[in-house]
Protein backbone atom coordinates (compact mmCIF):
# COMPACT_ATOMS: atom_id res chain seq x y z
CA VAL A 1 47.16 -25.87 -67.92
CA GLN A 2 47.76 -28.21 -65.15
CA LEU A 3 51.73 -29.36 -64.85
CA GLN A 4 53.38 -32.31 -62.86
CA ALA A 5 57.03 -32.81 -62.55
CA SER A 6 58.53 -35.78 -61.39
CA GLY A 7 61.84 -37.17 -61.51
CA GLY A 8 64.44 -35.69 -58.78
CA GLY A 9 65.93 -37.39 -56.04
CA LEU A 10 69.34 -38.08 -54.34
CA VAL A 11 72.43 -38.34 -57.06
CA GLN A 12 76.34 -38.04 -55.72
CA ALA A 13 78.17 -35.65 -57.58
CA GLY A 14 78.96 -36.61 -61.21
CA GLY A 15 75.56 -38.65 -61.49
CA SER A 16 72.49 -38.00 -64.02
CA LEU A 17 68.93 -37.37 -63.09
CA ARG A 18 65.91 -36.45 -65.87
CA LEU A 19 63.08 -34.66 -64.90
CA SER A 20 60.34 -35.06 -66.42
CA CYS A 21 56.58 -32.62 -66.89
CA VAL A 22 53.25 -33.79 -68.11
CA ALA A 23 51.24 -30.83 -68.75
CA SER A 24 47.60 -31.38 -69.02
CA GLY A 25 44.50 -29.20 -69.69
CA ARG A 26 45.54 -27.81 -73.25
CA THR A 27 48.70 -28.41 -75.09
CA PHE A 28 51.20 -25.89 -75.25
CA SER A 29 53.41 -26.63 -78.20
CA SER A 30 53.05 -22.91 -78.99
CA TYR A 31 54.03 -22.11 -75.32
CA ALA A 32 57.43 -21.05 -73.76
CA THR A 33 58.19 -23.72 -71.65
CA GLY A 34 61.13 -24.33 -68.64
CA TRP A 35 62.68 -25.25 -65.99
CA PHE A 36 63.33 -22.94 -62.86
CA ARG A 37 65.59 -23.79 -59.86
CA GLN A 38 65.60 -22.24 -56.30
CA ALA A 39 67.45 -23.26 -53.32
CA PRO A 40 66.93 -22.28 -49.91
CA GLY A 41 67.85 -18.71 -49.34
CA LYS A 42 68.00 -18.33 -52.92
CA GLU A 43 66.10 -16.84 -55.64
CA ARG A 44 63.96 -18.78 -57.88
CA GLU A 45 66.37 -18.69 -61.46
CA LEU A 46 65.54 -19.67 -65.04
CA VAL A 47 67.37 -23.16 -65.80
CA ALA A 48 66.85 -23.99 -69.20
CA ALA A 49 63.68 -22.61 -71.78
CA ILE A 50 62.49 -23.63 -74.82
CA SER A 51 60.64 -21.37 -77.28
CA GLY A 52 56.89 -21.95 -79.04
CA GLY A 53 58.98 -21.91 -81.82
CA GLY A 54 61.89 -24.54 -80.31
CA SER A 55 64.84 -22.20 -79.96
CA ILE A 56 66.64 -23.32 -76.62
CA TYR A 57 68.39 -21.37 -73.73
CA TYR A 58 70.49 -22.47 -70.94
CA ALA A 59 71.67 -20.51 -67.82
CA ASP A 60 75.82 -20.21 -67.91
CA SER A 61 76.17 -22.81 -65.31
CA VAL A 62 74.12 -25.41 -66.74
CA LYS A 63 75.59 -25.33 -70.35
CA GLY A 64 77.21 -28.61 -71.55
CA ARG A 65 75.55 -30.48 -68.41
CA PHE A 66 71.88 -29.79 -68.88
CA THR A 67 69.64 -30.66 -71.73
CA ILE A 68 66.16 -29.48 -72.31
CA SER A 69 63.29 -31.23 -74.50
CA ARG A 70 60.19 -31.44 -75.54
CA ASP A 71 57.67 -33.80 -77.23
CA SER A 72 54.75 -31.70 -78.25
CA ALA A 73 52.87 -34.83 -78.87
CA LYS A 74 52.82 -36.31 -75.37
CA ASN A 75 52.31 -32.93 -74.12
CA MET A 76 55.49 -33.55 -71.99
CA VAL A 77 58.98 -31.41 -70.70
CA TYR A 78 62.22 -33.00 -70.20
CA LEU A 79 65.34 -31.44 -68.21
CA GLN A 80 68.15 -34.47 -68.94
CA MET A 81 71.08 -33.34 -65.48
CA ASP A 82 74.73 -34.96 -66.21
CA SER A 83 77.59 -34.43 -64.48
CA LEU A 84 75.63 -33.31 -61.55
CA LYS A 85 76.96 -30.97 -58.81
CA PRO A 86 76.16 -29.96 -55.13
CA GLU A 87 75.59 -26.17 -55.92
CA ASP A 88 72.80 -27.80 -58.62
CA THR A 89 70.80 -29.02 -55.28
CA ALA A 90 67.82 -27.12 -55.24
CA VAL A 91 63.83 -27.74 -55.62
CA TYR A 92 63.07 -28.03 -59.40
CA TYR A 93 60.13 -26.24 -60.68
CA CYS A 94 58.81 -26.43 -64.70
CA ALA A 95 56.83 -23.99 -65.94
CA ALA A 96 54.74 -23.12 -69.08
CA ARG A 97 53.89 -18.93 -70.32
CA ARG A 98 50.69 -17.92 -72.30
CA TYR A 99 53.78 -16.61 -75.19
CA THR A 100 56.20 -17.98 -77.41
CA LEU A 101 59.36 -16.64 -76.33
CA PRO A 102 60.79 -17.46 -72.24
CA GLN A 103 61.82 -14.93 -70.02
CA ALA A 104 64.01 -14.98 -67.06
CA ALA A 105 61.55 -13.64 -64.55
CA PRO A 106 59.51 -16.47 -62.48
CA ALA A 107 56.53 -13.63 -62.71
CA ALA A 108 56.12 -13.83 -66.01
CA TRP A 109 55.23 -17.32 -66.04
CA SER A 110 51.43 -17.97 -66.27
CA TYR A 111 51.98 -22.18 -65.22
CA TRP A 112 53.84 -24.12 -62.52
CA GLY A 113 53.83 -27.85 -61.64
CA GLN A 114 54.66 -28.28 -57.90
CA GLY A 115 58.46 -28.73 -57.79
CA THR A 116 60.55 -31.82 -57.09
CA GLN A 117 63.50 -32.36 -54.87
CA VAL A 118 67.11 -32.70 -56.40
CA THR A 119 69.65 -33.52 -53.91
CA VAL A 120 73.68 -33.80 -55.26
CA SER A 121 75.70 -35.15 -52.33
CA SER A 122 79.30 -34.09 -52.74
């Protein structure tokens, strides 16, 4: 599975961005898929994920502001980010895991996209 993320950019605080990730190589409808982010000097953290069964997880820091969704027919996963804050600034990575349930640890994920920069100005 190859993952390609897009949609990052520069936005003012309070604005919105939509990240997209397309998978190629095989269908990942039964895999857990998710979005991680990594800010300078910080560890990579799980932001949002969808299990193979469709259950959704959000980090507390983004609940109510971010929405993850998946289009299995297109092999796409999205992250709608609203009410963005400067602390959301990071490189965002899409990821897929060869199991149905997501895990918080980056090492538990099998496939990674190349990352897309999100910068939120105050």
